[in-house]
Protein backbone atom coordinates (compact mmCIF):
# COMPACT_ATOMS: atom_id res chain seq x y z
CA UNK A 1 -109.95 98.35 55.70
CA UNK A 2 -107.07 96.29 56.77
CA UNK A 3 -106.00 95.37 60.15
CA UNK A 4 -102.50 97.12 61.52
CA UNK A 5 -101.14 95.94 64.58
CA UNK A 6 -98.13 97.09 66.67
CA UNK A 7 -95.41 95.07 67.40
CA UNK A 8 -91.83 96.54 68.71
CA UNK A 9 -91.76 99.78 66.77
CA UNK A 10 -92.89 97.53 63.30
CA UNK A 11 -96.39 96.94 61.92
CA UNK A 12 -98.13 94.03 60.42
CA UNK A 13 -100.60 94.28 57.99
CA UNK A 14 -103.77 91.45 57.40
CA UNK A 15 -105.95 92.40 54.37
CA UNK A 16 -109.40 91.29 53.58
CA UNK A 17 -109.36 88.57 50.15
CA UNK A 18 -111.45 91.53 48.55
CA UNK A 19 -108.73 94.43 49.31
CA UNK A 20 -105.95 94.85 46.69
CA UNK A 21 -102.71 96.28 49.03
CA UNK A 22 -99.87 97.95 47.56
CA UNK A 23 -96.99 98.16 49.56
CA UNK A 24 -93.88 101.13 48.93
CA UNK A 25 -90.98 101.14 50.53
CA UNK A 26 -88.78 104.43 49.08
CA UNK A 27 -90.78 104.71 46.11
CA UNK A 28 -90.08 100.77 45.51
CA UNK A 29 -93.04 98.14 45.60
CA UNK A 30 -92.52 95.96 48.18
CA UNK A 31 -95.72 94.03 48.42
CA UNK A 32 -98.70 94.11 46.24
CA UNK A 33 -101.70 91.60 46.15
CA UNK A 34 -105.03 91.06 47.41
CA UNK A 35 -105.46 89.15 50.84
CA UNK A 36 -101.44 89.75 51.88
CA UNK A 37 -99.99 90.03 55.05
CA UNK A 38 -96.79 91.49 55.53
CA UNK A 39 -94.51 93.32 58.58
CA UNK A 40 -93.91 96.69 57.60
CA UNK A 41 -91.64 99.80 58.68
CA UNK A 42 -94.12 103.09 59.00
CA UNK A 43 -91.45 105.29 58.43
CA UNK A 44 -90.52 104.32 55.06
CA UNK A 45 -93.46 102.80 54.15
CA UNK A 46 -96.18 104.05 51.54
CA UNK A 47 -99.52 101.97 51.72
CA UNK A 48 -102.64 101.86 49.41
CA UNK A 49 -105.38 99.61 50.12
CA UNK A 50 -108.23 99.08 46.56
CA UNK A 51 -111.01 97.54 46.90
CA UNK A 52 -111.84 94.90 44.23
CA UNK A 53 -115.31 93.33 45.16
CA UNK A 54 -118.31 94.54 43.23
CA UNK A 55 -119.52 98.12 44.99
CA UNK A 56 -123.30 99.31 44.54
CA UNK A 57 -124.09 103.33 43.55
CA UNK A 58 -127.18 104.25 43.88
CA UNK A 59 -127.92 107.28 42.35
CA UNK A 60 -131.40 109.96 42.31
CA UNK A 61 -131.29 112.76 39.53
CA UNK A 62 -133.49 115.03 38.05
CA UNK A 63 -133.93 115.92 34.48
CA UNK A 64 -135.87 118.04 32.01
CA UNK A 65 -138.19 116.24 28.53
CA UNK A 66 -138.51 117.63 25.17
CA UNK A 67 -141.65 119.41 26.20
CA UNK A 68 -139.97 120.95 29.25
CA UNK A 69 -141.44 118.67 32.06
CA UNK A 70 -139.36 117.76 35.14
CA UNK A 71 -138.64 114.05 36.02
CA UNK A 72 -136.74 111.98 38.48
CA UNK A 73 -134.51 109.01 37.48
CA UNK A 74 -133.57 106.35 40.09
CA UNK A 75 -130.65 103.92 38.80
CA UNK A 76 -127.96 102.35 40.36
CA UNK A 77 -125.07 101.44 38.89
CA UNK A 78 -122.85 97.77 40.32
CA UNK A 79 -118.98 98.67 39.43
CA UNK A 80 -115.66 97.26 39.85
CA UNK A 81 -111.61 98.06 39.84
CA UNK A 82 -110.07 96.10 37.54
CA UNK A 83 -106.80 97.42 37.79
CA UNK A 84 -105.99 98.28 41.28
CA UNK A 85 -102.37 99.88 40.18
CA UNK A 86 -103.99 102.33 37.97
CA UNK A 87 -106.56 103.09 40.46
CA UNK A 88 -104.36 103.59 42.91
CA UNK A 89 -101.88 105.63 40.96
CA UNK A 90 -105.21 107.73 39.30
CA UNK A 91 -107.03 107.79 42.73
CA UNK A 92 -105.64 108.86 46.38
CA UNK A 93 -106.22 105.06 47.77
CA UNK A 94 -103.94 105.94 50.38
CA UNK A 95 -104.20 104.77 54.24
CA UNK A 96 -102.47 105.54 57.83
CA UNK A 97 -100.10 102.93 58.43
CA UNK A 98 -100.95 103.42 62.04
CA UNK A 99 -104.63 102.56 61.84
CA UNK A 100 -105.32 101.39 58.08
CA UNK A 101 -107.78 104.06 57.41
CA UNK A 102 -108.05 106.09 54.01
CA UNK A 103 -106.32 109.32 54.35
CA UNK A 104 -109.06 110.94 51.69
CA UNK A 105 -112.45 110.01 50.06
CA UNK A 106 -111.54 107.63 46.88
CA UNK A 107 -114.79 106.00 46.28
CA UNK A 108 -116.91 109.16 46.97
CA UNK A 109 -114.70 110.35 44.21
CA UNK A 110 -115.38 107.47 42.02
CA UNK A 111 -119.57 107.48 42.95
CA UNK A 112 -119.41 111.44 41.57
CA UNK A 113 -117.55 110.69 38.62
CA UNK A 114 -119.83 107.55 37.49
CA UNK A 115 -123.01 109.67 38.77
CA UNK A 116 -121.91 113.01 37.29
CA UNK A 117 -121.04 110.31 33.60
CA UNK A 118 -124.07 108.52 34.07
CA UNK A 119 -126.25 111.94 34.22
CA UNK A 120 -124.54 113.41 31.64
CA UNK A 121 -126.09 110.73 28.90
CA UNK A 122 -129.18 109.89 30.56
CA UNK A 123 -130.21 114.02 30.46
CA UNK A 124 -129.18 114.04 27.05
CA UNK A 125 -131.57 111.44 26.21
CA UNK A 126 -134.43 113.36 28.12
CA UNK A 127 -133.73 116.22 26.68
CA UNK A 128 -134.38 114.75 23.20
CA UNK A 129 -137.64 112.57 24.46
CA UNK A 130 -141.54 113.50 25.24
CA UNK A 131 -142.51 113.19 29.06
CA UNK A 132 -145.55 110.72 27.59
CA UNK A 133 -142.48 108.43 25.98
CA UNK A 134 -140.19 108.89 28.43
CA UNK A 135 -142.60 107.12 30.56
CA UNK A 136 -143.97 104.59 28.33
CA UNK A 137 -140.00 103.59 27.23
CA UNK A 138 -137.85 105.60 29.21
CA UNK A 139 -137.04 103.51 31.44
CA UNK A 140 -135.06 100.76 29.16
CA UNK A 141 -133.77 103.66 26.93
CA UNK A 142 -132.23 105.55 30.33
CA UNK A 143 -130.63 102.69 31.23
CA UNK A 144 -128.90 101.59 27.84
CA UNK A 145 -127.84 104.79 27.10
CA UNK A 146 -126.38 104.75 30.65
CA UNK A 147 -124.69 101.45 30.01
CA UNK A 148 -123.18 102.39 26.74
CA UNK A 149 -122.31 105.75 27.62
CA UNK A 150 -120.26 104.46 30.88
CA UNK A 151 -118.86 101.60 29.00
CA UNK A 152 -117.74 104.44 26.01
CA UNK A 153 -116.00 106.48 29.14
CA UNK A 154 -112.27 106.76 28.64
CA UNK A 155 -111.71 107.57 32.32
CA UNK A 156 -113.46 104.58 33.79
CA UNK A 157 -111.41 102.32 32.02
CA UNK A 158 -108.09 104.63 32.45
CA UNK A 159 -108.83 104.32 35.98
CA UNK A 160 -109.02 100.92 36.06
CA UNK A 161 -113.11 100.85 36.62
CA UNK A 162 -115.35 98.38 34.95
CA UNK A 163 -119.29 98.94 34.65
CA UNK A 164 -120.74 95.48 35.82
CA UNK A 165 -124.51 96.85 35.80
CA UNK A 166 -126.97 99.43 35.25
CA UNK A 167 -130.55 99.53 36.64
CA UNK A 168 -132.99 102.12 36.21
CA UNK A 169 -135.35 101.58 39.22
CA UNK A 170 -137.87 104.28 38.41
CA UNK A 171 -138.65 107.41 36.42
CA UNK A 172 -141.53 109.64 37.40
CA UNK A 173 -142.28 112.87 36.96
CA UNK A 174 -143.74 115.93 39.20
CA UNK A 175 -146.44 114.94 41.87
CA UNK A 176 -148.99 117.42 40.03
CA UNK A 177 -147.73 115.93 36.61
CA UNK A 178 -148.78 112.87 37.45
CA UNK A 179 -151.70 112.95 38.93
CA UNK A 180 -153.06 115.03 35.66
CA UNK A 181 -151.34 111.81 33.68
CA UNK A 182 -153.54 109.39 35.15
CA UNK A 183 -157.13 111.51 34.91
CA UNK A 184 -157.74 110.40 31.56
CA UNK A 185 -156.76 106.59 32.47
CA UNK A 186 -159.01 107.15 35.16
CA UNK A 187 -161.47 108.70 33.52
CA UNK A 188 -161.64 105.92 30.97
CA UNK A 189 -161.36 103.18 34.06
CA UNK A 190 -164.30 104.66 35.56
CA UNK A 191 -166.13 104.98 31.87
CA UNK A 192 -165.56 101.49 31.36
CA UNK A 193 -166.56 100.70 35.25
CA UNK A 194 -169.79 102.45 34.31
CA UNK A 195 -170.24 100.77 30.97
CA UNK A 196 -169.57 97.74 32.39
CA UNK A 197 -172.58 98.46 35.25
CA UNK A 198 -174.77 99.80 32.61
CA UNK A 199 -174.49 96.76 30.88
CA UNK A 200 -175.11 94.76 33.74
CA UNK A 201 -178.23 96.51 34.39
CA UNK A 202 -179.35 95.95 31.15
CA UNK A 203 -178.43 92.57 30.99
CA UNK A 204 -180.68 92.45 34.66
CA UNK A 205 -183.33 94.28 33.08
CA UNK A 206 -183.46 91.63 30.15
CA UNK A 207 -183.51 89.02 32.18
CA UNK A 208 -186.23 90.87 34.49
CA UNK A 209 -188.19 91.10 31.22
CA UNK A 210 -187.73 87.62 29.62
CA UNK A 211 -189.26 86.77 33.62
CA UNK A 212 -192.16 89.14 33.02
CA UNK A 213 -192.95 87.63 29.49
CA UNK A 214 -192.48 84.21 30.60
CA UNK A 215 -194.73 84.83 33.76
CA UNK A 216 -197.34 86.64 30.71
CA UNK A 217 -197.03 83.76 28.64
CA UNK A 218 -197.39 81.30 31.46
CA UNK A 219 -200.86 83.60 32.73
CA UNK A 220 -202.21 83.62 29.22
CA UNK A 221 -201.43 79.99 29.03
CA UNK A 222 -203.25 78.70 32.41
CA UNK A 223 -206.24 81.80 31.26
CA UNK A 224 -206.30 79.82 27.76
CA UNK A 225 -206.92 76.37 29.51
CA UNK A 226 -209.11 77.74 32.32
CA UNK A 227 -211.10 79.16 28.88
CA UNK A 228 -210.86 75.41 27.81
CA UNK A 229 -211.85 74.18 31.33
CA UNK A 230 -214.75 76.57 31.51
CA UNK A 231 -215.84 75.58 28.04
CA UNK A 232 -215.60 71.94 28.51
CA UNK A 233 -217.28 72.25 31.63
CA UNK A 234 -220.15 74.50 29.75
CA UNK A 235 -220.41 71.66 27.26
CA UNK A 236 -220.87 68.97 30.27
CA UNK A 237 -223.32 71.41 31.70
CA UNK A 238 -225.63 71.09 28.63
CA UNK A 239 -224.60 67.73 28.04
CA UNK A 240 -225.91 66.82 31.57
CA UNK A 241 -228.81 68.98 30.92
CA UNK A 242 -229.85 67.35 27.66
CA UNK A 243 -229.14 63.88 29.02
CA UNK A 244 -231.69 65.35 32.22
CA UNK A 245 -233.81 66.93 29.53
CA UNK A 246 -234.58 63.63 27.56
CA UNK A 247 -234.51 61.59 31.21
CA UNK A 248 -237.31 63.47 31.83
CA UNK A 249 -239.36 63.56 28.30
CA UNK A 250 -238.87 59.85 28.68
CA UNK A 251 -240.01 59.78 32.52
CA UNK A 252 -242.73 62.18 31.54
CA UNK A 253 -243.78 60.42 28.91
CA UNK A 254 -244.07 57.19 30.74
CA UNK A 255 -246.52 58.81 33.25
CA UNK A 256 -248.44 60.37 30.82
CA UNK A 257 -248.72 56.99 28.82
CA UNK A 258 -249.36 55.30 32.26
CA UNK A 259 -251.82 57.61 33.04
CA UNK A 260 -253.46 57.98 29.80
CA UNK A 261 -253.81 53.99 30.12
CA UNK A 262 -255.16 54.52 33.64
CA UNK A 263 -257.58 56.47 32.52
CA UNK A 264 -258.92 54.56 29.64
CA UNK A 265 -259.07 52.10 32.02
CA UNK A 266 -260.74 53.66 34.59
CA UNK A 267 -263.18 55.12 32.15
CA UNK A 268 -263.98 51.61 30.64
CA UNK A 269 -264.35 50.53 33.85
CA UNK A 270 -266.76 53.78 34.58
CA UNK A 271 -268.40 52.77 31.55
CA UNK A 272 -269.05 49.35 31.90
CA UNK A 273 -270.26 50.14 35.47
CA UNK A 274 -272.48 52.53 34.22
CA UNK A 275 -273.85 50.32 31.85
CA UNK A 276 -274.19 47.81 34.64
CA UNK A 277 -276.14 50.35 36.55
CA UNK A 278 -278.20 51.45 33.59
CA UNK A 279 -279.17 47.70 33.07
CA UNK A 280 -279.95 47.22 36.48
CA UNK A 281 -282.08 50.21 36.56
CA UNK A 282 -283.25 49.75 33.62
CA UNK A 283 -284.95 45.87 34.88
CA UNK A 284 -285.71 47.60 38.61
CA UNK A 285 -287.65 49.99 36.85
CA UNK A 286 -289.32 47.51 34.21
CA UNK A 287 -290.26 44.70 37.52
CA UNK A 288 -291.70 48.36 39.33
CA UNK A 289 -294.26 49.28 36.41
CA UNK A 290 -295.69 45.12 36.84
CA UNK A 291 -295.94 45.67 40.53
CA UNK A 292 -299.48 47.25 42.10
CA UNK A 293 -299.07 50.94 43.34
CA UNK A 294 -299.48 50.75 46.56
CA UNK A 295 -296.83 47.98 46.65
CA UNK A 296 -294.76 50.48 45.33
CA UNK A 297 -295.94 53.27 47.71
CA UNK A 298 -294.77 50.52 50.60
CA UNK A 299 -291.59 50.23 49.30
CA UNK A 300 -290.58 53.93 48.87
CA UNK A 301 -292.21 54.27 52.42
CA UNK A 302 -289.70 52.17 53.80
CA UNK A 303 -286.57 53.41 51.52
CA UNK A 304 -287.55 56.49 52.97
CA UNK A 305 -287.51 55.04 56.82
CA UNK A 306 -284.27 53.50 55.63
CA UNK A 307 -282.75 56.60 54.63
CA UNK A 308 -284.22 58.75 57.58
CA UNK A 309 -282.12 59.54 60.81
CA UNK A 310 -283.04 57.88 64.15
CA UNK A 311 -286.55 59.35 65.88
CA UNK A 312 -286.47 58.59 69.66
CA UNK A 313 -289.80 60.81 70.10
CA UNK A 314 -292.17 60.88 67.19
CA UNK A 315 -295.42 63.42 67.87
CA UNK A 316 -298.19 62.77 65.17
CA UNK A 317 -300.67 65.82 64.94
CA UNK A 318 -304.05 65.77 64.13
CA UNK A 319 -303.16 67.74 61.03
CA UNK A 320 -300.49 65.28 59.79
CA UNK A 321 -302.48 61.97 60.09
CA UNK A 322 -305.68 63.66 58.46
CA UNK A 323 -303.46 64.29 55.35
CA UNK A 324 -301.53 61.33 55.30
CA UNK A 325 -304.73 59.58 55.40
CA UNK A 326 -305.83 61.33 52.25
CA UNK A 327 -303.01 60.61 50.52
CA UNK A 328 -303.15 56.83 51.42
CA UNK A 329 -306.60 56.94 50.16
CA UNK A 330 -306.26 58.37 47.03
């Protein structure tokens, strides 16, 4: 908005660099340009202020696809007034000479024109596009169609407007339809997650089976080695028993031989002693045969007396003496 100051019944206008000012005095152009400053008389002046900077116009409208589904299009159009003189003659950009405020709403008229034009081309495209295709490629298609339609619109060129850029921010269906469309994808994602879970469990089971097989193989190998150990211990025990038996047999044979040798020696000694005793007894008997019987009786009594126990008291009766004397007499 231009700055207007009052001095002595006159007005002084100072415009911004982005505003194009057009001053008509009695129907003739007195001043025209961007960022100018001048004095004017309000009673004979007609002022117009046309912005020449880039403007952003946000728009939101609803459309219907080929399969009768409602969608919402959110877009932004960047435009600029490239011919301020034409725009001032086609739209009311007049300002109050005292306040500098627009008398009308020209920017709202431009916004309505751009919105309706862009909406017309976007709706025409959506009416021939299915919902699924519109959700996939609709943003780029709608942006291209809106840009081409706005560039080819003759009224915009006649008004001095130029569309610099068109951006489609979003293209969305109704919330219920959007949730319904998300359901298959969610189900597929859930299936993928379930499959991943099952595969992870299968891998875990396979790993557990491999671990169990390794443990079983280890136990089998351990049992086999224990069997070999037991067999080896048995063989060692048998070998030890055989060695001990052989040693015992050797000891027994040695003891038997020793005892046989000892018995043979003892028998030989007994035979020698017996022979010597028999020879001595034979010599003694031969000597006794040559001795008088009375001497033999005396020797017998002497030997008997030597073998009798000790006698402290002896009692002789007449019967004993008679018998003994009778034997001695015989």
